[in-house]
Structures are given as C-alpha cells and as structure tokens.
Amino acid sequence: QPYAEEFGAQFVPGQRPWVVPVDVAMPCATENELNLEDAQHLVANKCFLVAEVSNMGCTAEAAEYLNSHIDYAPGKA
C-alpha cells in the first residue's frame, strides 16, 4: 500500500495483484506465483500477454489456461 500511495499505483486490499486490469502481466517473484484463478482474472480483464520472468511463475493449470486463451511466454524451465 505505501508503494501504491507514493507512485500512484492501484492497491486492492485483500486481493492478489492479478485482479488489477493490465495489458501485460509478468510474474517474476516466485515459482507458482500465478494460479488458475489469477489467470482467469487476467483473461477476463483483457490482458493480452503473460510473460514469465521467473522460472515456473505460473502453476501448470494456469499455464495451460493462459496458453489456450491469450499469448503466453513461459520461463525457461
């Protein structure tokens, strides 16, 4: 929340960041950071690309869903 206030970003209390509408999402912090529910939020919000910046940033279910709905660029693993 302090980051959002300082830099004008949207903060959604009690939610994961993937519910915020974006054009491109880049899970990059940890393995399995983005799950199926998160992927469904991104697609519903018209995200057109998910690019993993970390190895296996998405769960297998999320990766399969994304690959069949939008452009998906998996990490190297």
PDB file of N, CA and C in Angstrom:
ATOM      1  N   GLN A   1       0.807  -1.195   0.000  1.00  0.00           N
ATOM      2  CA  GLN A   1       0.000   0.000   0.000  1.00  0.00           C
ATOM      3  C   GLN A   1       0.859   1.271   0.000  1.00  0.00           C
ATOM      4  N   PRO A   2       1.925   1.332   0.804  1.00  0.00           N
ATOM      5  CA  PRO A   2       2.752   2.548   0.761  1.00  0.00           C
ATOM      6  C   PRO A   2       3.336   2.816  -0.628  1.00  0.00           C
ATOM      7  N   TYR A   3       3.754   1.777  -1.336  1.00  0.00           N
ATOM      8  CA  TYR A   3       4.275   1.947  -2.695  1.00  0.00           C
ATOM      9  C   TYR A   3       3.195   2.534  -3.594  1.00  0.00           C
ATOM     10  N   ALA A   4       1.995   1.982  -3.515  1.00  0.00           N
ATOM     11  CA  ALA A   4       0.888   2.460  -4.350  1.00  0.00           C
ATOM     12  C   ALA A   4       0.595   3.928  -4.067  1.00  0.00           C
ATOM     13  N   GLU A   5       0.604   4.302  -2.818  1.00  0.00           N
ATOM     14  CA  GLU A   5       0.346   5.692  -2.466  1.00  0.00           C
ATOM     15  C   GLU A   5       1.448   6.615  -2.988  1.00  0.00           C
ATOM     16  N   GLU A   6       2.703   6.177  -2.890  1.00  0.00           N
ATOM     17  CA  GLU A   6       3.821   7.024  -3.310  1.00  0.00           C
ATOM     18  C   GLU A   6       3.913   7.173  -4.830  1.00  0.00           C
ATOM     19  N   PHE A   7       3.599   6.096  -5.564  1.00  0.00           N
ATOM     20  CA  PHE A   7       3.806   6.113  -7.006  1.00  0.00           C
ATOM     21  C   PHE A   7       2.523   6.106  -7.836  1.00  0.00           C
ATOM     22  N   GLY A   8       1.379   6.196  -7.189  1.00  0.00           N
ATOM     23  CA  GLY A   8       0.122   6.296  -7.913  1.00  0.00           C
ATOM     24  C   GLY A   8      -0.360   4.984  -8.524  1.00  0.00           C
ATOM     25  N   ALA A   9       0.067   3.872  -7.969  1.00  0.00           N
ATOM     26  CA  ALA A   9      -0.386   2.565  -8.445  1.00  0.00           C
ATOM     27  C   ALA A   9      -1.689   2.182  -7.758  1.00  0.00           C
ATOM     28  N   GLN A  10      -2.400   1.240  -8.345  1.00  0.00           N
ATOM     29  CA  GLN A  10      -3.646   0.778  -7.744  1.00  0.00           C
ATOM     30  C   GLN A  10      -3.354  -0.316  -6.736  1.00  0.00           C
ATOM     31  N   PHE A  11      -3.877  -0.185  -5.533  1.00  0.00           N
ATOM     32  CA  PHE A  11      -3.738  -1.196  -4.479  1.00  0.00           C
ATOM     33  C   PHE A  11      -5.115  -1.742  -4.168  1.00  0.00           C
ATOM     34  N   VAL A  12      -5.244  -3.065  -4.146  1.00  0.00           N
ATOM     35  CA  VAL A  12      -6.528  -3.702  -3.874  1.00  0.00           C
ATOM     36  C   VAL A  12      -6.385  -4.512  -2.587  1.00  0.00           C
ATOM     37  N   PRO A  13      -6.844  -3.987  -1.468  1.00  0.00           N
ATOM     38  CA  PRO A  13      -6.689  -4.679  -0.196  1.00  0.00           C
ATOM     39  C   PRO A  13      -7.339  -6.065  -0.209  1.00  0.00           C
ATOM     40  N   GLY A  14      -6.633  -7.031   0.332  1.00  0.00           N
ATOM     41  CA  GLY A  14      -7.181  -8.376   0.456  1.00  0.00           C
ATOM     42  C   GLY A  14      -7.210  -9.174  -0.841  1.00  0.00           C
ATOM     43  N   GLN A  15      -6.642  -8.647  -1.906  1.00  0.00           N
ATOM     44  CA  GLN A  15      -6.642  -9.327  -3.207  1.00  0.00           C
ATOM     45  C   GLN A  15      -5.210  -9.526  -3.686  1.00  0.00           C
ATOM     46  N   ARG A  16      -5.062 -10.448  -4.619  1.00  0.00           N
ATOM     47  CA  ARG A  16      -3.771 -10.625  -5.266  1.00  0.00           C
ATOM     48  C   ARG A  16      -3.658  -9.599  -6.400  1.00  0.00           C
ATOM     49  N   PRO A  17      -2.461  -9.209  -6.798  1.00  0.00           N
ATOM     50  CA  PRO A  17      -2.317  -8.137  -7.792  1.00  0.00           C
ATOM     51  C   PRO A  17      -2.892  -8.477  -9.160  1.00  0.00           C
ATOM     52  N   TRP A  18      -3.124  -9.747  -9.434  1.00  0.00           N
ATOM     53  CA  TRP A  18      -3.577 -10.159 -10.766  1.00  0.00           C
ATOM     54  C   TRP A  18      -5.027  -9.789 -11.048  1.00  0.00           C
ATOM     55  N   VAL A  19      -5.743  -9.241 -10.080  1.00  0.00           N
ATOM     56  CA  VAL A  19      -7.126  -8.802 -10.327  1.00  0.00           C
ATOM     57  C   VAL A  19      -7.164  -7.407 -10.953  1.00  0.00           C
ATOM     58  N   VAL A  20      -6.045  -6.692 -10.920  1.00  0.00           N
ATOM     59  CA  VAL A  20      -5.977  -5.345 -11.494  1.00  0.00           C
ATOM     60  C   VAL A  20      -5.848  -5.469 -13.018  1.00  0.00           C
ATOM     61  N   PRO A  21      -6.694  -4.797 -13.793  1.00  0.00           N
ATOM     62  CA  PRO A  21      -6.606  -4.867 -15.258  1.00  0.00           C
ATOM     63  C   PRO A  21      -5.266  -4.341 -15.779  1.00  0.00           C
ATOM     64  N   VAL A  22      -4.622  -5.146 -16.607  1.00  0.00           N
ATOM     65  CA  VAL A  22      -3.349  -4.783 -17.237  1.00  0.00           C
ATOM     66  C   VAL A  22      -3.330  -5.329 -18.659  1.00  0.00           C
ATOM     67  N   ASP A  23      -2.460  -4.795 -19.496  1.00  0.00           N
ATOM     68  CA  ASP A  23      -2.267  -5.329 -20.844  1.00  0.00           C
ATOM     69  C   ASP A  23      -1.300  -6.511 -20.828  1.00  0.00           C
ATOM     70  N   VAL A  24      -0.232  -6.394 -20.033  1.00  0.00           N
ATOM     71  CA  VAL A  24       0.810  -7.405 -19.957  1.00  0.00           C
ATOM     72  C   VAL A  24       1.072  -7.715 -18.488  1.00  0.00           C
ATOM     73  N   ALA A  25       1.143  -8.987 -18.157  1.00  0.00           N
ATOM     74  CA  ALA A  25       1.466  -9.421 -16.794  1.00  0.00           C
ATOM     75  C   ALA A  25       2.762 -10.206 -16.832  1.00  0.00           C
ATOM     76  N   MET A  26       3.623  -9.972 -15.837  1.00  0.00           N
ATOM     77  CA  MET A  26       4.926 -10.623 -15.805  1.00  0.00           C
ATOM     78  C   MET A  26       5.199 -11.178 -14.412  1.00  0.00           C
ATOM     79  N   PRO A  27       4.697 -12.371 -14.109  1.00  0.00           N
ATOM     80  CA  PRO A  27       5.001 -12.966 -12.804  1.00  0.00           C
ATOM     81  C   PRO A  27       6.507 -13.192 -12.690  1.00  0.00           C
ATOM     82  N   CYS A  28       7.107 -12.668 -11.621  1.00  0.00           N
ATOM     83  CA  CYS A  28       8.572 -12.698 -11.569  1.00  0.00           C
ATOM     84  C   CYS A  28       9.145 -12.925 -10.179  1.00  0.00           C
ATOM     85  N   ALA A  29       8.330 -13.107  -9.177  1.00  0.00           N
ATOM     86  CA  ALA A  29       8.880 -13.186  -7.828  1.00  0.00           C
ATOM     87  C   ALA A  29       9.212 -14.613  -7.409  1.00  0.00           C
ATOM     88  N   THR A  30       8.252 -15.506  -7.543  1.00  0.00           N
ATOM     89  CA  THR A  30       8.443 -16.863  -7.027  1.00  0.00           C
ATOM     90  C   THR A  30       7.825 -17.884  -7.961  1.00  0.00           C
ATOM     91  N   GLU A  31       8.193 -19.131  -7.760  1.00  0.00           N
ATOM     92  CA  GLU A  31       7.584 -20.227  -8.513  1.00  0.00           C
ATOM     93  C   GLU A  31       6.101 -20.331  -8.137  1.00  0.00           C
ATOM     94  N   ASN A  32       5.272 -20.622  -9.129  1.00  0.00           N
ATOM     95  CA  ASN A  32       3.825 -20.791  -8.932  1.00  0.00           C
ATOM     96  C   ASN A  32       3.152 -19.553  -8.347  1.00  0.00           C
ATOM     97  N   GLU A  33       3.634 -18.398  -8.706  1.00  0.00           N
ATOM     98  CA  GLU A  33       3.081 -17.134  -8.213  1.00  0.00           C
ATOM     99  C   GLU A  33       1.675 -16.877  -8.757  1.00  0.00           C
ATOM    100  N   LEU A  34       1.413 -17.322  -9.972  1.00  0.00           N
ATOM    101  CA  LEU A  34       0.149 -17.063 -10.649  1.00  0.00           C
ATOM    102  C   LEU A  34      -0.598 -18.389 -10.808  1.00  0.00           C
ATOM    103  N   ASN A  35      -1.788 -18.501 -10.206  1.00  0.00           N
ATOM    104  CA  ASN A  35      -2.548 -19.753 -10.268  1.00  0.00           C
ATOM    105  C   ASN A  35      -3.709 -19.639 -11.270  1.00  0.00           C
ATOM    106  N   LEU A  36      -4.506 -20.690 -11.381  1.00  0.00           N
ATOM    107  CA  LEU A  36      -5.602 -20.718 -12.346  1.00  0.00           C
ATOM    108  C   LEU A  36      -6.580 -19.572 -12.127  1.00  0.00           C
ATOM    109  N   GLU A  37      -6.962 -19.317 -10.902  1.00  0.00           N
ATOM    110  CA  GLU A  37      -7.893 -18.215 -10.624  1.00  0.00           C
ATOM    111  C   GLU A  37      -7.302 -16.875 -11.065  1.00  0.00           C
ATOM    112  N   ASP A  38      -6.014 -16.682 -10.802  1.00  0.00           N
ATOM    113  CA  ASP A  38      -5.342 -15.457 -11.236  1.00  0.00           C
ATOM    114  C   ASP A  38      -5.359 -15.349 -12.762  1.00  0.00           C
ATOM    115  N   ALA A  39      -5.067 -16.458 -13.443  1.00  0.00           N
ATOM    116  CA  ALA A  39      -5.069 -16.473 -14.908  1.00  0.00           C
ATOM    117  C   ALA A  39      -6.450 -16.113 -15.449  1.00  0.00           C
ATOM    118  N   GLN A  40      -7.483 -16.630 -14.827  1.00  0.00           N
ATOM    119  CA  GLN A  40      -8.846 -16.331 -15.260  1.00  0.00           C
ATOM    120  C   GLN A  40      -9.161 -14.850 -15.082  1.00  0.00           C
ATOM    121  N   HIS A  41      -8.683 -14.244 -13.990  1.00  0.00           N
ATOM    122  CA  HIS A  41      -8.872 -12.802 -13.787  1.00  0.00           C
ATOM    123  C   HIS A  41      -8.181 -12.023 -14.901  1.00  0.00           C
ATOM    124  N   LEU A  42      -6.953 -12.388 -15.221  1.00  0.00           N
ATOM    125  CA  LEU A  42      -6.212 -11.675 -16.259  1.00  0.00           C
ATOM    126  C   LEU A  42      -6.922 -11.746 -17.602  1.00  0.00           C
ATOM    127  N   VAL A  43      -7.371 -12.927 -17.984  1.00  0.00           N
ATOM    128  CA  VAL A  43      -8.073 -13.091 -19.260  1.00  0.00           C
ATOM    129  C   VAL A  43      -9.379 -12.297 -19.256  1.00  0.00           C
ATOM    130  N   ALA A  44     -10.123 -12.374 -18.178  1.00  0.00           N
ATOM    131  CA  ALA A  44     -11.397 -11.643 -18.086  1.00  0.00           C
ATOM    132  C   ALA A  44     -11.182 -10.134 -18.165  1.00  0.00           C
ATOM    133  N   ASN A  45     -10.024  -9.668 -17.681  1.00  0.00           N
ATOM    134  CA  ASN A  45      -9.707  -8.234 -17.697  1.00  0.00           C
ATOM    135  C   ASN A  45      -8.989  -7.801 -18.974  1.00  0.00           C
ATOM    136  N   LYS A  46      -8.981  -8.681 -19.990  1.00  0.00           N
ATOM    137  CA  LYS A  46      -8.441  -8.359 -21.327  1.00  0.00           C
ATOM    138  C   LYS A  46      -6.919  -8.232 -21.389  1.00  0.00           C
ATOM    139  N   CYS A  47      -6.205  -8.863 -20.469  1.00  0.00           N
ATOM    140  CA  CYS A  47      -4.755  -8.940 -20.584  1.00  0.00           C
ATOM    141  C   CYS A  47      -4.449  -9.727 -21.855  1.00  0.00           C
ATOM    142  N   PHE A  48      -3.469  -9.278 -22.657  1.00  0.00           N
ATOM    143  CA  PHE A  48      -3.201  -9.996 -23.905  1.00  0.00           C
ATOM    144  C   PHE A  48      -1.901 -10.781 -23.898  1.00  0.00           C
ATOM    145  N   LEU A  49      -1.068 -10.617 -22.838  1.00  0.00           N
ATOM    146  CA  LEU A  49       0.188 -11.353 -22.771  1.00  0.00           C
ATOM    147  C   LEU A  49       0.589 -11.594 -21.327  1.00  0.00           C
ATOM    148  N   VAL A  50       0.939 -12.833 -21.022  1.00  0.00           N
ATOM    149  CA  VAL A  50       1.577 -13.162 -19.752  1.00  0.00           C
ATOM    150  C   VAL A  50       2.950 -13.710 -20.096  1.00  0.00           C
ATOM    151  N   ALA A  51       3.980 -13.060 -19.590  1.00  0.00           N
ATOM    152  CA  ALA A  51       5.368 -13.474 -19.833  1.00  0.00           C
ATOM    153  C   ALA A  51       6.016 -13.784 -18.485  1.00  0.00           C
ATOM    154  N   GLU A  52       6.372 -15.035 -18.291  1.00  0.00           N
ATOM    155  CA  GLU A  52       7.030 -15.420 -17.047  1.00  0.00           C
ATOM    156  C   GLU A  52       8.455 -14.874 -17.043  1.00  0.00           C
ATOM    157  N   VAL A  53       8.788 -14.158 -16.005  1.00  0.00           N
ATOM    158  CA  VAL A  53      10.128 -13.636 -15.846  1.00  0.00           C
ATOM    159  C   VAL A  53      10.921 -14.533 -14.893  1.00  0.00           C
ATOM    160  N   SER A  54      10.211 -15.246 -14.035  1.00  0.00           N
ATOM    161  CA  SER A  54      10.845 -16.231 -13.167  1.00  0.00           C
ATOM    162  C   SER A  54      10.635 -17.614 -13.776  1.00  0.00           C
ATOM    163  N   ASN A  55      11.389 -18.583 -13.309  1.00  0.00           N
ATOM    164  CA  ASN A  55      11.157 -19.956 -13.740  1.00  0.00           C
ATOM    165  C   ASN A  55       9.869 -20.459 -13.115  1.00  0.00           C
ATOM    166  N   MET A  56       8.979 -20.960 -13.950  1.00  0.00           N
ATOM    167  CA  MET A  56       7.710 -21.531 -13.498  1.00  0.00           C
ATOM    168  C   MET A  56       6.919 -20.536 -12.640  1.00  0.00           C
ATOM    169  N   GLY A  57       6.746 -19.331 -13.144  1.00  0.00           N
ATOM    170  CA  GLY A  57       5.982 -18.318 -12.422  1.00  0.00           C
ATOM    171  C   GLY A  57       4.505 -18.645 -12.323  1.00  0.00           C
ATOM    172  N   CYS A  58       4.022 -19.526 -13.210  1.00  0.00           N
ATOM    173  CA  CYS A  58       2.620 -19.935 -13.223  1.00  0.00           C
ATOM    174  C   CYS A  58       2.499 -21.406 -12.846  1.00  0.00           C
ATOM    175  N   THR A  59       1.403 -21.737 -12.198  1.00  0.00           N
ATOM    176  CA  THR A  59       1.135 -23.152 -11.960  1.00  0.00           C
ATOM    177  C   THR A  59       0.844 -23.822 -13.300  1.00  0.00           C
ATOM    178  N   ALA A  60       0.910 -25.140 -13.334  1.00  0.00           N
ATOM    179  CA  ALA A  60       0.642 -25.873 -14.578  1.00  0.00           C
ATOM    180  C   ALA A  60      -0.761 -25.585 -15.092  1.00  0.00           C
ATOM    181  N   GLU A  61      -1.731 -25.519 -14.191  1.00  0.00           N
ATOM    182  CA  GLU A  61      -3.115 -25.239 -14.587  1.00  0.00           C
ATOM    183  C   GLU A  61      -3.247 -23.840 -15.184  1.00  0.00           C
ATOM    184  N   ALA A  62      -2.591 -22.877 -14.569  1.00  0.00           N
ATOM    185  CA  ALA A  62      -2.634 -21.505 -15.078  1.00  0.00           C
ATOM    186  C   ALA A  62      -1.969 -21.420 -16.446  1.00  0.00           C
ATOM    187  N   ALA A  63      -0.827 -22.079 -16.606  1.00  0.00           N
ATOM    188  CA  ALA A  63      -0.114 -22.054 -17.885  1.00  0.00           C
ATOM    189  C   ALA A  63      -0.964 -22.659 -18.996  1.00  0.00           C
ATOM    190  N   GLU A  64      -1.621 -23.771 -18.717  1.00  0.00           N
ATOM    191  CA  GLU A  64      -2.477 -24.412 -19.716  1.00  0.00           C
ATOM    192  C   GLU A  64      -3.640 -23.503 -20.096  1.00  0.00           C
ATOM    193  N   TYR A  65      -4.264 -22.887 -19.120  1.00  0.00           N
ATOM    194  CA  TYR A  65      -5.383 -21.986 -19.364  1.00  0.00           C
ATOM    195  C   TYR A  65      -4.933 -20.771 -20.191  1.00  0.00           C
ATOM    196  N   LEU A  66      -3.842 -20.162 -19.776  1.00  0.00           N
ATOM    197  CA  LEU A  66      -3.343 -18.983 -20.486  1.00  0.00           C
ATOM    198  C   LEU A  66      -2.975 -19.326 -21.923  1.00  0.00           C
ATOM    199  N   ASN A  67      -2.313 -20.443 -22.109  1.00  0.00           N
ATOM    200  CA  ASN A  67      -1.871 -20.842 -23.446  1.00  0.00           C
ATOM    201  C   ASN A  67      -3.036 -21.051 -24.405  1.00  0.00           C
ATOM    202  N   SER A  68      -4.202 -21.377 -23.877  1.00  0.00           N
ATOM    203  CA  SER A  68      -5.368 -21.591 -24.752  1.00  0.00           C
ATOM    204  C   SER A  68      -6.242 -20.345 -24.882  1.00  0.00           C
ATOM    205  N   HIS A  69      -5.909 -19.257 -24.173  1.00  0.00           N
ATOM    206  CA  HIS A  69      -6.753 -18.068 -24.210  1.00  0.00           C
ATOM    207  C   HIS A  69      -6.049 -16.796 -24.686  1.00  0.00           C
ATOM    208  N   ILE A  70      -4.769 -16.635 -24.371  1.00  0.00           N
ATOM    209  CA  ILE A  70      -4.033 -15.429 -24.741  1.00  0.00           C
ATOM    210  C   ILE A  70      -2.599 -15.810 -25.092  1.00  0.00           C
ATOM    211  N   ASP A  71      -1.784 -14.845 -25.483  1.00  0.00           N
ATOM    212  CA  ASP A  71      -0.367 -15.110 -25.705  1.00  0.00           C
ATOM    213  C   ASP A  71       0.298 -15.368 -24.360  1.00  0.00           C
ATOM    214  N   TYR A  72       1.067 -16.442 -24.296  1.00  0.00           N
ATOM    215  CA  TYR A  72       1.720 -16.858 -23.069  1.00  0.00           C
ATOM    216  C   TYR A  72       3.163 -17.213 -23.374  1.00  0.00           C
ATOM    217  N   ALA A  73       4.088 -16.584 -22.674  1.00  0.00           N
ATOM    218  CA  ALA A  73       5.515 -16.844 -22.870  1.00  0.00           C
ATOM    219  C   ALA A  73       6.067 -17.454 -21.593  1.00  0.00           C
ATOM    220  N   PRO A  74       6.271 -18.765 -21.580  1.00  0.00           N
ATOM    221  CA  PRO A  74       6.753 -19.422 -20.361  1.00  0.00           C
ATOM    222  C   PRO A  74       8.214 -19.087 -20.068  1.00  0.00           C
ATOM    223  N   GLY A  75       8.605 -19.262 -18.808  1.00  0.00           N
ATOM    224  CA  GLY A  75      10.008 -19.114 -18.428  1.00  0.00           C
ATOM    225  C   GLY A  75      10.804 -20.291 -18.976  1.00  0.00           C
ATOM    226  N   LYS A  76      12.100 -20.252 -18.785  1.00  0.00           N
ATOM    227  CA  LYS A  76      12.962 -21.265 -19.393  1.00  0.00           C
ATOM    228  C   LYS A  76      12.775 -22.662 -18.824  1.00  0.00           C
ATOM    229  N   ALA A  77      12.294 -22.793 -17.589  1.00  0.00           N
ATOM    230  CA  ALA A  77      12.107 -24.120 -17.017  1.00  0.00           C
ATOM    231  C   ALA A  77      10.853 -24.740 -17.582  1.00  0.00           C
TER     232      ALA A  77
END
